[in-house]
Protein backbone atom coordinates (compact mmCIF):
# COMPACT_ATOMS: atom_id res chain seq x y z
CA UNK A 1 8.89 -0.42 8.72
CA UNK A 2 7.89 -4.21 9.08
CA UNK A 3 10.42 -6.74 8.14
CA UNK A 4 9.94 -10.53 7.40
CA UNK A 5 11.85 -12.38 10.28
CA UNK A 6 13.84 -14.42 7.79
CA UNK A 7 15.05 -11.35 6.07
CA UNK A 8 16.64 -9.81 9.19
CA UNK A 9 20.52 -9.32 9.12
CA UNK A 10 20.76 -6.88 11.78
CA UNK A 11 20.12 -7.10 15.74
CA UNK A 12 18.57 -3.64 15.47
CA UNK A 13 15.10 -5.14 15.05
CA UNK A 14 12.55 -4.81 17.80
CA UNK A 15 10.59 -8.04 18.20
CA UNK A 16 7.09 -7.36 19.54
CA UNK A 17 6.00 -10.43 21.29
CA UNK A 18 2.35 -9.75 21.39
CA UNK A 19 -0.43 -12.28 20.62
CA UNK A 20 -2.20 -11.76 17.41
CA UNK A 21 -5.74 -10.40 17.59
CA UNK A 22 -7.00 -12.08 14.62
CA UNK A 23 -4.01 -13.98 13.05
CA UNK A 24 -5.83 -17.38 13.56
CA UNK A 25 -8.86 -15.84 11.67
CA UNK A 26 -6.98 -14.79 8.67
CA UNK A 27 -8.81 -15.90 5.50
CA UNK A 28 -6.86 -18.58 3.58
CA UNK A 29 -9.44 -18.24 0.67
CA UNK A 30 -8.31 -15.09 -0.52
CA UNK A 31 -6.72 -15.67 -4.06
CA UNK A 32 -5.11 -13.99 -7.06
CA UNK A 33 -5.39 -14.98 -10.51
CA UNK A 34 -2.48 -15.57 -13.01
CA UNK A 35 -2.15 -11.83 -13.50
CA UNK A 36 -2.42 -10.98 -9.88
CA UNK A 37 -5.64 -9.64 -9.65
CA UNK A 38 -7.21 -10.21 -6.38
CA UNK A 39 -10.71 -12.19 -6.38
CA UNK A 40 -11.74 -10.26 -3.17
CA UNK A 41 -11.24 -6.85 -4.62
CA UNK A 42 -13.28 -4.82 -7.19
CA UNK A 43 -11.32 -4.32 -10.45
CA UNK A 44 -11.38 -0.81 -11.50
CA UNK A 45 -8.77 -0.52 -14.48
CA UNK A 46 -6.43 2.20 -14.61
CA UNK A 47 -4.28 3.08 -17.71
CA UNK A 48 -1.38 4.29 -15.53
CA UNK A 49 0.95 1.17 -15.43
CA UNK A 50 3.71 -0.45 -17.22
CA UNK A 51 5.80 -3.69 -17.35
CA UNK A 52 8.16 -4.44 -14.50
CA UNK A 53 11.84 -4.94 -15.31
CA UNK A 54 12.52 -8.37 -16.45
CA UNK A 55 13.19 -10.81 -13.68
CA UNK A 56 12.60 -8.02 -11.27
CA UNK A 57 11.34 -9.71 -7.74
CA UNK A 58 8.45 -7.88 -6.09
CA UNK A 59 9.66 -7.73 -2.54
CA UNK A 60 8.23 -4.40 -1.10
CA UNK A 61 5.01 -3.36 0.13
CA UNK A 62 4.21 0.40 0.36
CA UNK A 63 1.54 1.76 2.47
CA UNK A 64 -0.04 5.22 1.49
CA UNK A 65 -2.86 7.37 2.46
CA UNK A 66 -5.10 9.54 0.06
CA UNK A 67 -8.06 11.68 0.03
CA UNK A 68 -9.52 14.09 -2.50
CA UNK A 69 -10.20 16.78 -1.43
CA UNK A 70 -7.80 16.41 1.56
CA UNK A 71 -9.68 15.09 4.71
CA UNK A 72 -12.90 14.37 2.66
CA UNK A 73 -13.91 10.79 2.14
CA UNK A 74 -16.28 9.07 -0.18
CA UNK A 75 -17.00 9.92 -3.69
CA UNK A 76 -15.19 8.99 -6.88
CA UNK A 77 -12.38 11.56 -6.99
CA UNK A 78 -9.73 8.96 -6.21
CA UNK A 79 -10.89 6.73 -9.07
CA UNK A 80 -11.23 9.52 -11.36
CA UNK A 81 -7.58 10.55 -10.56
CA UNK A 82 -6.43 6.95 -11.10
CA UNK A 83 -8.30 6.76 -14.50
CA UNK A 84 -7.08 10.18 -15.77
CA UNK A 85 -10.62 11.75 -15.80
CA UNK A 86 -10.57 13.88 -12.77
CA UNK A 87 -12.44 17.13 -13.22
CA UNK A 88 -9.69 19.53 -12.08
CA UNK A 89 -12.32 22.31 -11.50
CA UNK A 90 -14.24 20.41 -9.00
CA UNK A 91 -12.27 21.80 -6.18
CA UNK A 92 -9.43 24.32 -6.05
CA UNK A 93 -7.00 21.86 -4.57
CA UNK A 94 -7.19 19.80 -7.56
CA UNK A 95 -5.33 22.31 -9.81
CA UNK A 96 -2.12 21.04 -8.63
CA UNK A 97 -3.13 17.47 -10.08
CA UNK A 98 -3.65 18.64 -13.54
CA UNK A 99 -1.75 16.47 -15.98
CA UNK A 100 -0.65 14.11 -13.19
CA UNK A 101 -0.72 10.40 -14.06
CA UNK A 102 -0.75 8.20 -11.10
CA UNK A 103 -2.14 4.86 -9.75
CA UNK A 104 -1.90 2.36 -7.17
CA UNK A 105 -2.31 -1.45 -7.12
CA UNK A 106 -5.03 -1.16 -4.45
CA UNK A 107 -7.30 1.40 -2.52
CA UNK A 108 -8.97 0.34 0.65
CA UNK A 109 -12.02 2.57 1.42
CA UNK A 110 -13.18 3.67 4.87
CA UNK A 111 -15.80 0.97 4.92
CA UNK A 112 -12.95 -1.70 4.04
CA UNK A 113 -13.95 -2.11 0.51
CA UNK A 114 -10.79 -3.00 -1.78
CA UNK A 115 -10.56 -1.76 -5.26
CA UNK A 116 -7.73 -2.89 -7.50
CA UNK A 117 -6.45 -0.74 -10.40
CA UNK A 118 -3.40 -2.45 -11.44
CA UNK A 119 -2.36 -6.13 -11.69
CA UNK A 120 0.08 -7.14 -9.09
CA UNK A 121 2.41 -8.39 -11.89
CA UNK A 122 2.51 -4.88 -13.50
CA UNK A 123 4.24 -1.67 -12.35
CA UNK A 124 1.68 0.83 -10.88
CA UNK A 125 2.86 4.52 -10.56
CA UNK A 126 2.33 5.09 -6.83
CA UNK A 127 5.85 5.90 -5.24
CA UNK A 128 7.36 8.49 -7.47
CA UNK A 129 10.86 9.38 -6.84
CA UNK A 130 11.94 6.85 -4.26
CA UNK A 131 14.70 4.96 -2.72
CA UNK A 132 14.89 1.82 -0.63
CA UNK A 133 18.05 0.02 0.90
CA UNK A 134 20.39 1.15 -2.09
CA UNK A 135 17.70 0.90 -4.88
CA UNK A 136 16.09 3.79 -6.78
CA UNK A 137 12.57 3.60 -8.35
CA UNK A 138 10.69 1.57 -5.94
CA UNK A 139 7.72 1.29 -8.32
CA UNK A 140 9.92 -1.41 -10.11
CA UNK A 141 9.84 -3.81 -7.25
CA UNK A 142 6.80 -2.85 -4.97
CA UNK A 143 3.08 -3.23 -4.52
CA UNK A 144 1.35 -0.12 -3.59
CA UNK A 145 -1.75 0.03 -1.08
CA UNK A 146 -3.67 3.34 -0.70
CA UNK A 147 -5.70 3.68 2.46
CA UNK A 148 -8.53 6.28 2.20
CA UNK A 149 -7.43 8.66 4.87
CA UNK A 150 -5.02 11.49 5.65
CA UNK A 151 -2.48 12.34 8.21
CA UNK A 152 -4.83 14.02 10.67
CA UNK A 153 -7.28 11.25 11.32
CA UNK A 154 -7.45 7.54 12.47
CA UNK A 155 -8.01 4.81 10.03
CA UNK A 156 -11.16 2.69 10.50
CA UNK A 157 -11.32 -1.09 11.97
CA UNK A 158 -12.78 -2.09 8.64
CA UNK A 159 -9.59 -0.76 6.85
CA UNK A 160 -7.26 -2.50 9.22
CA UNK A 161 -9.06 -5.79 8.60
CA UNK A 162 -9.06 -5.60 4.96
CA UNK A 163 -5.46 -4.55 4.91
CA UNK A 164 -4.60 -7.55 7.15
CA UNK A 165 -6.44 -9.99 4.72
CA UNK A 166 -4.92 -8.34 1.66
CA UNK A 167 -1.42 -8.25 2.86
CA UNK A 168 -1.47 -11.96 4.05
CA UNK A 169 -2.81 -12.82 0.68
CA UNK A 170 -0.05 -10.72 -1.15
CA UNK A 171 2.59 -12.64 0.86
CA UNK A 172 1.48 -15.88 -0.54
CA UNK A 173 1.96 -14.67 -4.16
CA UNK A 174 5.09 -12.48 -3.95
CA UNK A 175 8.30 -12.72 -2.09
CA UNK A 176 7.69 -9.77 -0.02
CA UNK A 177 10.48 -9.01 2.54
CA UNK A 178 9.66 -5.45 3.85
CA UNK A 179 6.54 -3.17 4.31
CA UNK A 180 7.08 0.39 4.45
CA UNK A 181 5.16 3.81 4.54
CA UNK A 182 5.42 6.15 1.70
CA UNK A 183 7.35 8.65 3.73
CA UNK A 184 10.25 5.99 4.42
CA UNK A 185 11.03 5.75 0.72
CA UNK A 186 10.54 9.36 -0.22
CA UNK A 187 11.71 11.20 3.03
CA UNK A 188 11.08 15.05 3.01
CA UNK A 189 8.73 14.60 0.12
CA UNK A 190 6.06 12.42 1.61
CA UNK A 191 4.50 11.93 4.96
CA UNK A 192 1.90 9.19 4.37
CA UNK A 193 0.47 6.88 5.85
CA UNK A 194 1.02 9.57 8.79
CA UNK A 195 1.13 9.44 12.41
CA UNK A 196 -2.21 7.99 12.92
CA UNK A 197 -1.45 4.69 11.11
CA UNK A 198 -0.99 2.00 13.66
CA UNK A 199 2.07 0.01 12.78
CA UNK A 200 1.93 -2.18 15.82
CA UNK A 201 -1.82 -3.10 15.31
CA UNK A 202 -0.98 -3.80 11.67
CA UNK A 203 2.13 -6.01 12.70
CA UNK A 204 0.30 -8.20 15.22
CA UNK A 205 -1.76 -9.77 12.64
CA UNK A 206 1.03 -10.59 10.20
CA UNK A 207 2.59 -13.74 11.36
CA UNK A 208 6.16 -13.98 11.07
CA UNK A 209 6.77 -10.03 10.61
CA UNK A 210 8.29 -7.67 13.16
CA UNK A 211 8.75 -3.92 13.55
CA UNK A 212 12.16 -2.98 12.58
CA UNK A 213 14.39 -0.12 13.21
CA UNK A 214 16.41 -0.92 10.08
CA UNK A 215 16.83 2.33 7.87
CA UNK A 216 15.45 2.13 4.51
C-alpha cells in the first residue's frame, strides 16, 4: 500500500528516502475534463458504471491486473468484457465470465497505451466485494486501474511510465490518500496486481507518497 504523507496518523510507515527516477520529468500537461475523462487516454465507453454516492470523496486508487485468456496479451477480449460483448465460446476459460458485468476506469496495455472506460466522476465496477479501513464497497470511493498482465510475469517499462503519469494526473483532480492492490481490499478473494508488481519502483516516482505498513 502507498499512502500520501499528509494522511499518515501512525508511525508504522516505512519511509523510502530514494531519489525519484523520473519525478522531475512527470508530465504536467496531462489533464482531465469536467467529467474526469483523461485527455491522454483513448475513450472506450463501458455501460458498466453508475453514480457515486452523493458527496462521496474519491480518496482511494486501486491497482489491478487482467489478462484474457490468463497470461495472454493483446487482442480485444478485455475491451469486449468491459463492454458486455465477450464471446464466451472463444476460449474455455471464458465460461466463468458468462453474465458478468464489470469495468474499470482505466486499462494500461503492455505497450503503455491507456484506455478509459468510465469517467472518473462515476462509479466503475472494478473492486467487487471489498473493504478498506472500516468502509465496505470500495467502488463507491475509488478509481480502478487495470494493468494488462498477470500474477506470474513482470510488467513492462512502458506500463510503469504510463501508470506514473496517470497516477500523478489523478492526484491533481481527486483527493487521493491511499493506493492499494486489489488483494488488499479483497484478501483471500483476489491476488492482483501480484508479486511481480514493483511497489517501490512505482512509489519512487510519486512525490509525497511512501510505502506504508498500515493495514487496510
